[in-house]
Amino acid sequence: MKPMKRVYAAIGFVGISSSVMAQSHPLTTAMACNQAQSLVAAQGAVVLNTSATSYDRYVASGAYCGVGETPGPGWAPTRDVARCLIGSRCVSVSRGSGP
């Protein structure tokens, strides 16, 4: 594959409008559920606004979580789904808790 074709293929793969990608923290409610999922998968880890006043970090896998963190479900509202599973969120592992 020629270098320019690779660039075009990479741009087309993400499938997210340039206006959404240009934002520092894209707004999930401006994207379709599959677009938000694709963005998280392509970036690996990304901070997304879930409303005008809230944001969170979403990851594609636990490899993007820190020491003492584990991946948990990352739900967010999107343009077409009120509660879309767009990836994972890193959550602290509580120590010393047990039966």
PDB file of N, CA and C in Angstrom:
ATOM      1  N   MET A   1       0.852  -1.174   0.000  1.00  0.00           N
ATOM      2  CA  MET A   1       0.000   0.000   0.000  1.00  0.00           C
ATOM      3  C   MET A   1       0.900   1.240   0.000  1.00  0.00           C
ATOM      4  N   LYS A   2       0.556   2.214  -0.826  1.00  0.00           N
ATOM      5  CA  LYS A   2       1.326   3.453  -0.899  1.00  0.00           C
ATOM      6  C   LYS A   2       1.130   4.270   0.373  1.00  0.00           C
ATOM      7  N   PRO A   3       2.143   5.092   0.748  1.00  0.00           N
ATOM      8  CA  PRO A   3       2.039   5.871   1.985  1.00  0.00           C
ATOM      9  C   PRO A   3       0.783   6.736   2.081  1.00  0.00           C
ATOM     10  N   MET A   4       0.402   7.415   1.015  1.00  0.00           N
ATOM     11  CA  MET A   4      -0.787   8.282   1.080  1.00  0.00           C
ATOM     12  C   MET A   4      -2.061   7.466   1.264  1.00  0.00           C
ATOM     13  N   LYS A   5      -2.111   6.285   0.665  1.00  0.00           N
ATOM     14  CA  LYS A   5      -3.293   5.435   0.844  1.00  0.00           C
ATOM     15  C   LYS A   5      -3.404   4.986   2.289  1.00  0.00           C
ATOM     16  N   ARG A   6      -2.264   4.750   2.943  1.00  0.00           N
ATOM     17  CA  ARG A   6      -2.287   4.376   4.355  1.00  0.00           C
ATOM     18  C   ARG A   6      -2.860   5.512   5.202  1.00  0.00           C
ATOM     19  N   VAL A   7      -2.463   6.734   4.882  1.00  0.00           N
ATOM     20  CA  VAL A   7      -2.967   7.895   5.621  1.00  0.00           C
ATOM     21  C   VAL A   7      -4.474   8.013   5.443  1.00  0.00           C
ATOM     22  N   TYR A   8      -4.942   7.900   4.219  1.00  0.00           N
ATOM     23  CA  TYR A   8      -6.383   7.989   3.962  1.00  0.00           C
ATOM     24  C   TYR A   8      -7.133   6.847   4.646  1.00  0.00           C
ATOM     25  N   ALA A   9      -6.559   5.656   4.654  1.00  0.00           N
ATOM     26  CA  ALA A   9      -7.208   4.523   5.309  1.00  0.00           C
ATOM     27  C   ALA A   9      -7.299   4.759   6.812  1.00  0.00           C
ATOM     28  N   ALA A  10      -6.246   5.299   7.400  1.00  0.00           N
ATOM     29  CA  ALA A  10      -6.260   5.571   8.844  1.00  0.00           C
ATOM     30  C   ALA A  10      -7.295   6.633   9.189  1.00  0.00           C
ATOM     31  N   ILE A  11      -7.384   7.661   8.365  1.00  0.00           N
ATOM     32  CA  ILE A  11      -8.371   8.718   8.599  1.00  0.00           C
ATOM     33  C   ILE A  11      -9.780   8.159   8.455  1.00  0.00           C
ATOM     34  N   GLY A  12     -10.011   7.354   7.458  1.00  0.00           N
ATOM     35  CA  GLY A  12     -11.327   6.778   7.238  1.00  0.00           C
ATOM     36  C   GLY A  12     -11.718   5.767   8.294  1.00  0.00           C
ATOM     37  N   PHE A  13     -10.742   5.068   8.855  1.00  0.00           N
ATOM     38  CA  PHE A  13     -11.030   4.040   9.856  1.00  0.00           C
ATOM     39  C   PHE A  13     -11.691   4.613  11.094  1.00  0.00           C
ATOM     40  N   VAL A  14     -11.206   5.727  11.557  1.00  0.00           N
ATOM     41  CA  VAL A  14     -11.757   6.308  12.779  1.00  0.00           C
ATOM     42  C   VAL A  14     -13.209   6.692  12.564  1.00  0.00           C
ATOM     43  N   GLY A  15     -13.533   7.289  11.430  1.00  0.00           N
ATOM     44  CA  GLY A  15     -14.919   7.586  11.090  1.00  0.00           C
ATOM     45  C   GLY A  15     -15.593   8.621  11.979  1.00  0.00           C
ATOM     46  N   ILE A  16     -14.829   9.537  12.520  1.00  0.00           N
ATOM     47  CA  ILE A  16     -15.389  10.561  13.387  1.00  0.00           C
ATOM     48  C   ILE A  16     -15.149  11.907  12.734  1.00  0.00           C
ATOM     49  N   SER A  17     -16.135  12.777  12.790  1.00  0.00           N
ATOM     50  CA  SER A  17     -16.016  14.066  12.127  1.00  0.00           C
ATOM     51  C   SER A  17     -14.848  14.870  12.674  1.00  0.00           C
ATOM     52  N   SER A  18     -14.248  15.685  11.847  1.00  0.00           N
ATOM     53  CA  SER A  18     -13.086  16.468  12.255  1.00  0.00           C
ATOM     54  C   SER A  18     -13.439  17.470  13.344  1.00  0.00           C
ATOM     55  N   SER A  19     -14.659  17.956  13.380  1.00  0.00           N
ATOM     56  CA  SER A  19     -15.037  18.908  14.423  1.00  0.00           C
ATOM     57  C   SER A  19     -15.035  18.250  15.795  1.00  0.00           C
ATOM     58  N   VAL A  20     -15.430  16.987  15.879  1.00  0.00           N
ATOM     59  CA  VAL A  20     -15.404  16.267  17.145  1.00  0.00           C
ATOM     60  C   VAL A  20     -13.964  15.983  17.542  1.00  0.00           C
ATOM     61  N   MET A  21     -13.127  15.577  16.593  1.00  0.00           N
ATOM     62  CA  MET A  21     -11.741  15.250  16.887  1.00  0.00           C
ATOM     63  C   MET A  21     -10.936  16.487  17.272  1.00  0.00           C
ATOM     64  N   ALA A  22     -11.292  17.650  16.769  1.00  0.00           N
ATOM     65  CA  ALA A  22     -10.535  18.869  17.020  1.00  0.00           C
ATOM     66  C   ALA A  22     -10.706  19.377  18.448  1.00  0.00           C
ATOM     67  N   GLN A  23     -11.776  18.991  19.111  1.00  0.00           N
ATOM     68  CA  GLN A  23     -12.009  19.439  20.476  1.00  0.00           C
ATOM     69  C   GLN A  23     -11.006  18.765  21.411  1.00  0.00           C
ATOM     70  N   SER A  24     -10.590  19.497  22.446  1.00  0.00           N
ATOM     71  CA  SER A  24      -9.641  18.903  23.383  1.00  0.00           C
ATOM     72  C   SER A  24     -10.289  17.776  24.186  1.00  0.00           C
ATOM     73  N   HIS A  25     -11.535  17.920  24.522  1.00  0.00           N
ATOM     74  CA  HIS A  25     -12.306  16.886  25.215  1.00  0.00           C
ATOM     75  C   HIS A  25     -13.635  16.753  24.476  1.00  0.00           C
ATOM     76  N   PRO A  26     -13.694  15.891  23.470  1.00  0.00           N
ATOM     77  CA  PRO A  26     -14.932  15.766  22.688  1.00  0.00           C
ATOM     78  C   PRO A  26     -16.143  15.469  23.567  1.00  0.00           C
ATOM     79  N   LEU A  27     -17.273  15.967  23.165  1.00  0.00           N
ATOM     80  CA  LEU A  27     -18.538  15.796  23.879  1.00  0.00           C
ATOM     81  C   LEU A  27     -19.216  14.518  23.395  1.00  0.00           C
ATOM     82  N   THR A  28     -19.472  13.598  24.320  1.00  0.00           N
ATOM     83  CA  THR A  28     -20.059  12.317  23.921  1.00  0.00           C
ATOM     84  C   THR A  28     -21.454  12.474  23.332  1.00  0.00           C
ATOM     85  N   THR A  29     -22.207  13.458  23.800  1.00  0.00           N
ATOM     86  CA  THR A  29     -23.572  13.632  23.299  1.00  0.00           C
ATOM     87  C   THR A  29     -23.604  14.194  21.882  1.00  0.00           C
ATOM     88  N   ALA A  30     -22.446  14.578  21.344  1.00  0.00           N
ATOM     89  CA  ALA A  30     -22.366  15.025  19.958  1.00  0.00           C
ATOM     90  C   ALA A  30     -22.006  13.870  19.024  1.00  0.00           C
ATOM     91  N   MET A  31     -21.740  12.688  19.603  1.00  0.00           N
ATOM     92  CA  MET A  31     -21.335  11.516  18.821  1.00  0.00           C
ATOM     93  C   MET A  31     -22.369  10.412  18.933  1.00  0.00           C
ATOM     94  N   ALA A  32     -22.415   9.570  17.907  1.00  0.00           N
ATOM     95  CA  ALA A  32     -23.194   8.341  17.999  1.00  0.00           C
ATOM     96  C   ALA A  32     -22.419   7.368  18.885  1.00  0.00           C
ATOM     97  N   CYS A  33     -23.101   6.410  19.454  1.00  0.00           N
ATOM     98  CA  CYS A  33     -22.474   5.438  20.348  1.00  0.00           C
ATOM     99  C   CYS A  33     -21.273   4.763  19.677  1.00  0.00           C
ATOM    100  N   ASN A  34     -21.446   4.297  18.450  1.00  0.00           N
ATOM    101  CA  ASN A  34     -20.339   3.600  17.779  1.00  0.00           C
ATOM    102  C   ASN A  34     -19.167   4.537  17.491  1.00  0.00           C
ATOM    103  N   GLN A  35     -19.412   5.827  17.318  1.00  0.00           N
ATOM    104  CA  GLN A  35     -18.324   6.779  17.119  1.00  0.00           C
ATOM    105  C   GLN A  35     -17.514   6.943  18.403  1.00  0.00           C
ATOM    106  N   ALA A  36     -18.193   7.045  19.534  1.00  0.00           N
ATOM    107  CA  ALA A  36     -17.497   7.165  20.820  1.00  0.00           C
ATOM    108  C   ALA A  36     -16.691   5.894  21.105  1.00  0.00           C
ATOM    109  N   GLN A  37     -17.266   4.742  20.825  1.00  0.00           N
ATOM    110  CA  GLN A  37     -16.554   3.475  21.010  1.00  0.00           C
ATOM    111  C   GLN A  37     -15.312   3.417  20.121  1.00  0.00           C
ATOM    112  N   SER A  38     -15.440   3.843  18.878  1.00  0.00           N
ATOM    113  CA  SER A  38     -14.311   3.839  17.947  1.00  0.00           C
ATOM    114  C   SER A  38     -13.210   4.792  18.391  1.00  0.00           C
ATOM    115  N   LEU A  39     -13.604   5.938  18.924  1.00  0.00           N
ATOM    116  CA  LEU A  39     -12.626   6.915  19.389  1.00  0.00           C
ATOM    117  C   LEU A  39     -11.805   6.355  20.548  1.00  0.00           C
ATOM    118  N   VAL A  40     -12.467   5.739  21.513  1.00  0.00           N
ATOM    119  CA  VAL A  40     -11.765   5.143  22.648  1.00  0.00           C
ATOM    120  C   VAL A  40     -10.848   4.017  22.155  1.00  0.00           C
ATOM    121  N   ALA A  41     -11.356   3.176  21.274  1.00  0.00           N
ATOM    122  CA  ALA A  41     -10.547   2.065  20.752  1.00  0.00           C
ATOM    123  C   ALA A  41      -9.325   2.578  19.987  1.00  0.00           C
ATOM    124  N   ALA A  42      -9.503   3.619  19.195  1.00  0.00           N
ATOM    125  CA  ALA A  42      -8.399   4.154  18.385  1.00  0.00           C
ATOM    126  C   ALA A  42      -7.364   4.888  19.229  1.00  0.00           C
ATOM    127  N   GLN A  43      -7.805   5.622  20.250  1.00  0.00           N
ATOM    128  CA  GLN A  43      -6.896   6.417  21.081  1.00  0.00           C
ATOM    129  C   GLN A  43      -6.279   5.596  22.211  1.00  0.00           C
ATOM    130  N   GLY A  44      -6.952   4.560  22.647  1.00  0.00           N
ATOM    131  CA  GLY A  44      -6.475   3.770  23.780  1.00  0.00           C
ATOM    132  C   GLY A  44      -6.925   4.359  25.099  1.00  0.00           C
ATOM    133  N   ALA A  45      -6.713   5.645  25.281  1.00  0.00           N
ATOM    134  CA  ALA A  45      -7.155   6.373  26.471  1.00  0.00           C
ATOM    135  C   ALA A  45      -7.493   7.786  26.035  1.00  0.00           C
ATOM    136  N   VAL A  46      -8.650   8.283  26.458  1.00  0.00           N
ATOM    137  CA  VAL A  46      -9.084   9.610  26.038  1.00  0.00           C
ATOM    138  C   VAL A  46      -9.997  10.220  27.101  1.00  0.00           C
ATOM    139  N   VAL A  47      -9.869  11.529  27.292  1.00  0.00           N
ATOM    140  CA  VAL A  47     -10.757  12.257  28.197  1.00  0.00           C
ATOM    141  C   VAL A  47     -11.911  12.789  27.353  1.00  0.00           C
ATOM    142  N   LEU A  48     -13.136  12.482  27.774  1.00  0.00           N
ATOM    143  CA  LEU A  48     -14.326  12.903  27.041  1.00  0.00           C
ATOM    144  C   LEU A  48     -15.263  13.676  27.960  1.00  0.00           C
ATOM    145  N   ASN A  49     -15.822  14.754  27.446  1.00  0.00           N
ATOM    146  CA  ASN A  49     -16.880  15.462  28.160  1.00  0.00           C
ATOM    147  C   ASN A  49     -18.152  14.646  27.998  1.00  0.00           C
ATOM    148  N   THR A  50     -18.862  14.446  29.097  1.00  0.00           N
ATOM    149  CA  THR A  50     -20.141  13.735  29.042  1.00  0.00           C
ATOM    150  C   THR A  50     -21.309  14.694  29.178  1.00  0.00           C
ATOM    151  N   SER A  51     -21.013  15.953  29.507  1.00  0.00           N
ATOM    152  CA  SER A  51     -21.990  17.045  29.530  1.00  0.00           C
ATOM    153  C   SER A  51     -21.186  18.341  29.488  1.00  0.00           C
ATOM    154  N   ALA A  52     -21.883  19.462  29.591  1.00  0.00           N
ATOM    155  CA  ALA A  52     -21.185  20.751  29.563  1.00  0.00           C
ATOM    156  C   ALA A  52     -20.299  20.947  30.788  1.00  0.00           C
ATOM    157  N   THR A  53     -20.581  20.218  31.866  1.00  0.00           N
ATOM    158  CA  THR A  53     -19.841  20.429  33.114  1.00  0.00           C
ATOM    159  C   THR A  53     -19.160  19.181  33.675  1.00  0.00           C
ATOM    160  N   SER A  54     -19.190  18.065  32.962  1.00  0.00           N
ATOM    161  CA  SER A  54     -18.550  16.861  33.485  1.00  0.00           C
ATOM    162  C   SER A  54     -17.725  16.154  32.406  1.00  0.00           C
ATOM    163  N   TYR A  55     -16.721  15.445  32.872  1.00  0.00           N
ATOM    164  CA  TYR A  55     -15.850  14.708  31.965  1.00  0.00           C
ATOM    165  C   TYR A  55     -15.306  13.490  32.699  1.00  0.00           C
ATOM    166  N   ASP A  56     -14.752  12.555  31.926  1.00  0.00           N
ATOM    167  CA  ASP A  56     -14.121  11.389  32.514  1.00  0.00           C
ATOM    168  C   ASP A  56     -13.113  10.832  31.519  1.00  0.00           C
ATOM    169  N   ARG A  57     -12.241   9.987  32.013  1.00  0.00           N
ATOM    170  CA  ARG A  57     -11.225   9.342  31.176  1.00  0.00           C
ATOM    171  C   ARG A  57     -11.705   7.929  30.873  1.00  0.00           C
ATOM    172  N   TYR A  58     -11.711   7.585  29.603  1.00  0.00           N
ATOM    173  CA  TYR A  58     -12.149   6.271  29.142  1.00  0.00           C
ATOM    174  C   TYR A  58     -10.965   5.569  28.497  1.00  0.00           C
ATOM    175  N   VAL A  59     -10.862   4.261  28.725  1.00  0.00           N
ATOM    176  CA  VAL A  59      -9.746   3.488  28.201  1.00  0.00           C
ATOM    177  C   VAL A  59     -10.252   2.278  27.429  1.00  0.00           C
ATOM    178  N   ALA A  60      -9.397   1.809  26.515  1.00  0.00           N
ATOM    179  CA  ALA A  60      -9.736   0.641  25.711  1.00  0.00           C
ATOM    180  C   ALA A  60      -9.477  -0.662  26.461  1.00  0.00           C
ATOM    181  N   SER A  61      -8.532  -0.630  27.415  1.00  0.00           N
ATOM    182  CA  SER A  61      -8.213  -1.832  28.183  1.00  0.00           C
ATOM    183  C   SER A  61      -7.525  -1.451  29.490  1.00  0.00           C
ATOM    184  N   GLY A  62      -7.352  -2.433  30.342  1.00  0.00           N
ATOM    185  CA  GLY A  62      -6.685  -2.226  31.615  1.00  0.00           C
ATOM    186  C   GLY A  62      -5.220  -1.840  31.467  1.00  0.00           C
ATOM    187  N   ALA A  63      -4.657  -2.042  30.299  1.00  0.00           N
ATOM    188  CA  ALA A  63      -3.259  -1.657  30.057  1.00  0.00           C
ATOM    189  C   ALA A  63      -3.066  -0.148  30.211  1.00  0.00           C
ATOM    190  N   TYR A  64      -4.143   0.620  30.119  1.00  0.00           N
ATOM    191  CA  TYR A  64      -4.083   2.074  30.243  1.00  0.00           C
ATOM    192  C   TYR A  64      -4.372   2.554  31.668  1.00  0.00           C
ATOM    193  N   CYS A  65      -4.599   1.618  32.586  1.00  0.00           N
ATOM    194  CA  CYS A  65      -4.849   1.976  33.982  1.00  0.00           C
ATOM    195  C   CYS A  65      -3.525   1.995  34.741  1.00  0.00           C
ATOM    196  N   GLY A  66      -3.502   2.760  35.817  1.00  0.00           N
ATOM    197  CA  GLY A  66      -2.312   2.857  36.643  1.00  0.00           C
ATOM    198  C   GLY A  66      -2.221   1.741  37.667  1.00  0.00           C
ATOM    199  N   VAL A  67      -1.122   1.747  38.410  1.00  0.00           N
ATOM    200  CA  VAL A  67      -0.933   0.782  39.488  1.00  0.00           C
ATOM    201  C   VAL A  67      -2.032   1.014  40.531  1.00  0.00           C
ATOM    202  N   GLY A  68      -2.632  -0.050  40.981  1.00  0.00           N
ATOM    203  CA  GLY A  68      -3.705   0.064  41.970  1.00  0.00           C
ATOM    204  C   GLY A  68      -5.055   0.373  41.356  1.00  0.00           C
ATOM    205  N   GLU A  69      -5.141   0.318  40.033  1.00  0.00           N
ATOM    206  CA  GLU A  69      -6.415   0.563  39.340  1.00  0.00           C
ATOM    207  C   GLU A  69      -6.773  -0.655  38.503  1.00  0.00           C
ATOM    208  N   THR A  70      -8.051  -0.816  38.277  1.00  0.00           N
ATOM    209  CA  THR A  70      -8.556  -1.890  37.439  1.00  0.00           C
ATOM    210  C   THR A  70      -9.635  -1.319  36.516  1.00  0.00           C
ATOM    211  N   PRO A  71      -9.821  -1.888  35.326  1.00  0.00           N
ATOM    212  CA  PRO A  71     -10.865  -1.353  34.448  1.00  0.00           C
ATOM    213  C   PRO A  71     -12.261  -1.753  34.912  1.00  0.00           C
ATOM    214  N   GLY A  72     -13.170  -0.793  34.838  1.00  0.00           N
ATOM    215  CA  GLY A  72     -14.583  -1.031  35.127  1.00  0.00           C
ATOM    216  C   GLY A  72     -15.386  -0.497  33.956  1.00  0.00           C
ATOM    217  N   PRO A  73     -16.637  -0.844  33.844  1.00  0.00           N
ATOM    218  CA  PRO A  73     -17.429  -0.396  32.695  1.00  0.00           C
ATOM    219  C   PRO A  73     -17.482   1.126  32.582  1.00  0.00           C
ATOM    220  N   GLY A  74     -17.314   1.615  31.374  1.00  0.00           N
ATOM    221  CA  GLY A  74     -17.336   3.056  31.116  1.00  0.00           C
ATOM    222  C   GLY A  74     -18.558   3.446  30.301  1.00  0.00           C
ATOM    223  N   TRP A  75     -19.602   3.830  30.981  1.00  0.00           N
ATOM    224  CA  TRP A  75     -20.857   4.235  30.344  1.00  0.00           C
ATOM    225  C   TRP A  75     -20.867   5.746  30.139  1.00  0.00           C
ATOM    226  N   ALA A  76     -21.465   6.192  29.043  1.00  0.00           N
ATOM    227  CA  ALA A  76     -21.613   7.624  28.794  1.00  0.00           C
ATOM    228  C   ALA A  76     -22.834   7.853  27.905  1.00  0.00           C
ATOM    229  N   PRO A  77     -23.472   9.009  28.039  1.00  0.00           N
ATOM    230  CA  PRO A  77     -24.583   9.327  27.135  1.00  0.00           C
ATOM    231  C   PRO A  77     -24.027   9.721  25.769  1.00  0.00           C
ATOM    232  N   THR A  78     -24.664   9.247  24.724  1.00  0.00           N
ATOM    233  CA  THR A  78     -24.276   9.642  23.363  1.00  0.00           C
ATOM    234  C   THR A  78     -25.510  10.181  22.644  1.00  0.00           C
ATOM    235  N   ARG A  79     -25.301  10.650  21.445  1.00  0.00           N
ATOM    236  CA  ARG A  79     -26.390  11.250  20.674  1.00  0.00           C
ATOM    237  C   ARG A  79     -27.554  10.283  20.470  1.00  0.00           C
ATOM    238  N   ASP A  80     -27.253   8.988  20.302  1.00  0.00           N
ATOM    239  CA  ASP A  80     -28.292   8.025  19.962  1.00  0.00           C
ATOM    240  C   ASP A  80     -28.615   7.007  21.062  1.00  0.00           C
ATOM    241  N   VAL A  81     -27.796   6.952  22.112  1.00  0.00           N
ATOM    242  CA  VAL A  81     -28.008   5.982  23.185  1.00  0.00           C
ATOM    243  C   VAL A  81     -27.837   6.708  24.524  1.00  0.00           C
ATOM    244  N   ALA A  82     -28.823   6.580  25.391  1.00  0.00           N
ATOM    245  CA  ALA A  82     -28.767   7.275  26.676  1.00  0.00           C
ATOM    246  C   ALA A  82     -27.645   6.756  27.576  1.00  0.00           C
ATOM    247  N   ARG A  83     -27.311   5.471  27.442  1.00  0.00           N
ATOM    248  CA  ARG A  83     -26.269   4.860  28.280  1.00  0.00           C
ATOM    249  C   ARG A  83     -25.469   3.888  27.420  1.00  0.00           C
ATOM    250  N   CYS A  84     -24.437   4.410  26.786  1.00  0.00           N
ATOM    251  CA  CYS A  84     -23.615   3.642  25.842  1.00  0.00           C
ATOM    252  C   CYS A  84     -22.340   3.164  26.538  1.00  0.00           C
ATOM    253  N   LEU A  85     -22.007   1.904  26.391  1.00  0.00           N
ATOM    254  CA  LEU A  85     -20.761   1.357  26.925  1.00  0.00           C
ATOM    255  C   LEU A  85     -19.657   1.682  25.918  1.00  0.00           C
ATOM    256  N   ILE A  86     -18.921   2.771  26.170  1.00  0.00           N
ATOM    257  CA  ILE A  86     -17.935   3.234  25.190  1.00  0.00           C
ATOM    258  C   ILE A  86     -16.531   2.696  25.445  1.00  0.00           C
ATOM    259  N   GLY A  87     -16.336   2.073  26.573  1.00  0.00           N
ATOM    260  CA  GLY A  87     -15.027   1.524  26.920  1.00  0.00           C
ATOM    261  C   GLY A  87     -15.014   1.219  28.399  1.00  0.00           C
ATOM    262  N   SER A  88     -13.860   1.418  29.010  1.00  0.00           N
ATOM    263  CA  SER A  88     -13.721   1.196  30.451  1.00  0.00           C
ATOM    264  C   SER A  88     -13.282   2.481  31.131  1.00  0.00           C
ATOM    265  N   ARG A  89     -13.461   2.517  32.452  1.00  0.00           N
ATOM    266  CA  ARG A  89     -12.920   3.586  33.293  1.00  0.00           C
ATOM    267  C   ARG A  89     -12.021   2.916  34.308  1.00  0.00           C
ATOM    268  N   CYS A  90     -10.909   3.535  34.622  1.00  0.00           N
ATOM    269  CA  CYS A  90      -9.999   2.981  35.614  1.00  0.00           C
ATOM    270  C   CYS A  90     -10.503   3.347  36.999  1.00  0.00           C
ATOM    271  N   VAL A  91     -10.683   2.349  37.833  1.00  0.00           N
ATOM    272  CA  VAL A  91     -11.169   2.573  39.187  1.00  0.00           C
ATOM    273  C   VAL A  91     -10.153   2.017  40.182  1.00  0.00           C
ATOM    274  N   SER A  92     -10.060   2.658  41.331  1.00  0.00           N
ATOM    275  CA  SER A  92      -9.123   2.226  42.364  1.00  0.00           C
ATOM    276  C   SER A  92      -9.519   0.869  42.920  1.00  0.00           C
ATOM    277  N   VAL A  93      -8.520   0.051  43.150  1.00  0.00           N
ATOM    278  CA  VAL A  93      -8.736  -1.244  43.792  1.00  0.00           C
ATOM    279  C   VAL A  93      -8.634  -0.985  45.280  1.00  0.00           C
ATOM    280  N   SER A  94      -9.686  -1.300  46.019  1.00  0.00           N
ATOM    281  CA  SER A  94      -9.642  -1.076  47.468  1.00  0.00           C
ATOM    282  C   SER A  94      -8.849  -2.210  48.116  1.00  0.00           C
ATOM    283  N   ARG A  95      -7.937  -1.833  48.963  1.00  0.00           N
ATOM    284  CA  ARG A  95      -7.092  -2.823  49.645  1.00  0.00           C
ATOM    285  C   ARG A  95      -7.690  -3.160  50.997  1.00  0.00           C
ATOM    286  N   GLY A  96      -7.480  -4.373  51.373  1.00  0.00           N
ATOM    287  CA  GLY A  96      -7.908  -4.792  52.696  1.00  0.00           C
ATOM    288  C   GLY A  96      -9.384  -5.098  52.808  1.00  0.00           C
ATOM    289  N   SER A  97     -10.118  -5.023  51.710  1.00  0.00           N
ATOM    290  CA  SER A  97     -11.539  -5.366  51.812  1.00  0.00           C
ATOM    291  C   SER A  97     -11.700  -6.838  51.500  1.00  0.00           C
ATOM    292  N   GLY A  98     -12.467  -7.483  52.242  1.00  0.00           N
ATOM    293  CA  GLY A  98     -12.695  -8.909  52.015  1.00  0.00           C
ATOM    294  C   GLY A  98     -13.817  -9.400  52.902  1.00  0.00           C
ATOM    295  N   PRO A  99     -14.104 -10.686  52.817  1.00  0.00           N
ATOM    296  CA  PRO A  99     -15.205 -11.236  53.616  1.00  0.00           C
ATOM    297  C   PRO A  99     -14.943 -11.244  55.093  1.00  0.00           C
TER     298      PRO A  99
END
